[in-house]
Amino acid sequence: MDKVFISELKVDAVIGVYDWEKQVRQPLVFDLEMAWDIRVAAQTDDLMHALDYQAVTEYIERFVREQHFQLLESLLERLADGLLQEFGMPWLSIRVEKPAVVPQARAVGLMIERGIS
């Protein structure tokens, strides 16, 4: 299966368990890999047959900005569900980093893989 990817998408989010985190937007950085058969798009040179990564990016930005979660786990699980349903990809992998949360590390984060069953 072919993969479409988006690398280092930065989106500010209200996310966290501490009171101060619920009052400010913090940067999140997303990396995605999405399974997509590109053969028809390649043959036709038509966006209608491609996975529109601009539309995916806009979906992620809108979702993250409109939602408020305490946990990255909740954000990522719901985002993955929404992307699978909205765009019909058979599989995706999402990695999210929350920079400068732990003083000893550049970032913390999660990575999940999900598919439509």
Protein backbone atom coordinates (compact mmCIF):
# COMPACT_ATOMS: atom_id res chain seq x y z
CA MET A 1 0.00 0.00 0.00
CA ASP A 2 1.17 3.48 -0.82
CA LYS A 3 1.45 6.10 1.91
CA VAL A 4 0.79 9.81 1.96
CA PHE A 5 2.57 11.66 4.73
CA ILE A 6 2.44 15.01 6.46
CA SER A 7 5.50 15.95 8.47
CA GLU A 8 5.86 18.38 11.38
CA LEU A 9 2.43 19.99 11.19
CA LYS A 10 2.34 22.58 13.97
CA VAL A 11 -0.99 23.40 15.60
CA ASP A 12 -1.65 25.30 18.81
CA ALA A 13 -4.02 23.55 21.21
CA VAL A 14 -5.60 23.94 24.60
CA ILE A 15 -4.54 20.68 26.21
CA GLY A 16 -3.39 19.56 29.62
CA VAL A 17 -4.37 18.57 33.12
CA TYR A 18 -3.10 21.61 34.99
CA ASP A 19 -5.21 24.75 35.39
CA TRP A 20 -2.69 26.95 33.58
CA GLU A 21 -2.68 24.54 30.60
CA LYS A 22 -6.43 25.02 30.23
CA GLN A 23 -5.97 28.77 29.83
CA VAL A 24 -3.29 28.96 27.11
CA ARG A 25 -2.63 27.48 23.72
CA GLN A 26 0.41 25.23 23.51
CA PRO A 27 2.16 23.98 20.37
CA LEU A 28 1.66 20.41 19.22
CA VAL A 29 3.60 18.87 16.34
CA PHE A 30 2.00 16.12 14.24
CA ASP A 31 3.49 13.56 11.85
CA LEU A 32 1.09 11.40 9.86
CA GLU A 33 1.33 8.46 7.49
CA MET A 34 -1.88 7.52 5.70
CA ALA A 35 -2.38 4.47 3.52
CA TRP A 36 -3.75 5.36 0.10
CA ASP A 37 -3.62 3.64 -3.27
CA ILE A 38 -2.24 6.36 -5.55
CA ARG A 39 -2.46 4.45 -8.85
CA VAL A 40 -5.72 5.97 -10.12
CA ALA A 41 -4.61 9.49 -9.19
CA ALA A 42 -1.28 8.88 -10.91
CA GLN A 43 -2.96 7.60 -14.07
CA THR A 44 -5.58 10.35 -14.27
CA ASP A 45 -3.57 13.22 -12.77
CA ASP A 46 -6.81 14.18 -11.02
CA LEU A 47 -7.06 15.37 -7.42
CA MET A 48 -10.48 13.68 -7.11
CA HIS A 49 -8.64 10.35 -6.93
CA ALA A 50 -5.88 11.48 -4.57
CA LEU A 51 -5.82 11.83 -0.82
CA ASP A 52 -6.03 15.61 -0.53
CA TYR A 53 -3.35 16.37 2.05
CA GLN A 54 -4.41 20.03 2.16
CA ALA A 55 -7.91 18.96 3.20
CA VAL A 56 -6.41 16.55 5.76
CA THR A 57 -4.24 19.35 7.16
CA GLU A 58 -7.20 21.72 7.42
CA TYR A 59 -9.25 19.02 9.15
CA ILE A 60 -6.51 18.46 11.74
CA GLU A 61 -6.03 22.19 12.36
CA ARG A 62 -9.77 22.76 12.79
CA PHE A 63 -10.23 19.69 15.02
CA VAL A 64 -7.32 20.56 17.32
CA ARG A 65 -8.25 24.23 17.64
CA GLU A 66 -11.93 23.55 18.37
CA GLN A 67 -11.44 20.76 20.92
CA HIS A 68 -10.06 20.94 24.45
CA PHE A 69 -8.64 17.77 25.97
CA GLN A 70 -6.70 16.97 29.10
CA LEU A 71 -4.79 14.06 27.56
CA LEU A 72 -2.92 13.60 24.30
CA GLU A 73 -4.37 10.09 24.31
CA SER A 74 -7.92 11.44 24.03
CA LEU A 75 -7.01 13.96 21.35
CA LEU A 76 -5.16 11.40 19.23
CA GLU A 77 -7.81 8.67 19.47
CA ARG A 78 -10.64 11.00 18.47
CA LEU A 79 -8.58 12.65 15.75
CA ALA A 80 -7.71 9.27 14.24
CA ASP A 81 -11.37 8.19 14.29
CA GLY A 82 -12.41 11.43 12.60
CA LEU A 83 -9.75 11.21 9.88
CA LEU A 84 -10.60 7.59 9.07
CA GLN A 85 -14.29 8.41 8.76
CA GLU A 86 -13.88 11.71 6.92
CA PHE A 87 -11.34 10.62 4.31
CA GLY A 88 -11.88 6.86 4.05
CA MET A 89 -8.24 5.87 4.26
CA PRO A 90 -7.80 2.22 5.30
CA TRP A 91 -4.98 2.86 7.79
CA LEU A 92 -3.10 5.72 9.41
CA SER A 93 -0.32 6.38 11.85
CA ILE A 94 -0.27 9.62 13.84
CA ARG A 95 2.56 10.86 16.01
CA VAL A 96 2.13 13.93 18.19
CA GLU A 97 4.75 15.81 20.19
CA LYS A 98 4.15 18.31 22.96
CA PRO A 99 7.41 20.30 23.11
CA ALA A 100 9.08 21.47 26.32
CA VAL A 101 6.66 19.74 28.72
CA VAL A 102 9.37 17.91 30.63
CA PRO A 103 12.44 20.09 31.30
CA GLN A 104 14.82 17.19 30.67
CA ALA A 105 13.38 16.42 27.21
CA ARG A 106 12.83 18.33 23.97
CA ALA A 107 9.31 16.88 23.74
CA VAL A 108 6.97 14.16 24.91
CA GLY A 109 4.31 12.48 22.85
CA LEU A 110 2.47 9.48 21.50
CA MET A 111 2.16 7.50 18.33
CA ILE A 112 -0.85 5.41 17.37
CA GLU A 113 -1.84 3.31 14.37
CA ARG A 114 -5.48 2.76 13.47
CA GLY A 115 -7.38 1.17 10.62
CA ILE A 116 -10.97 0.70 9.56
CA SER A 117 -12.14 -2.78 10.45
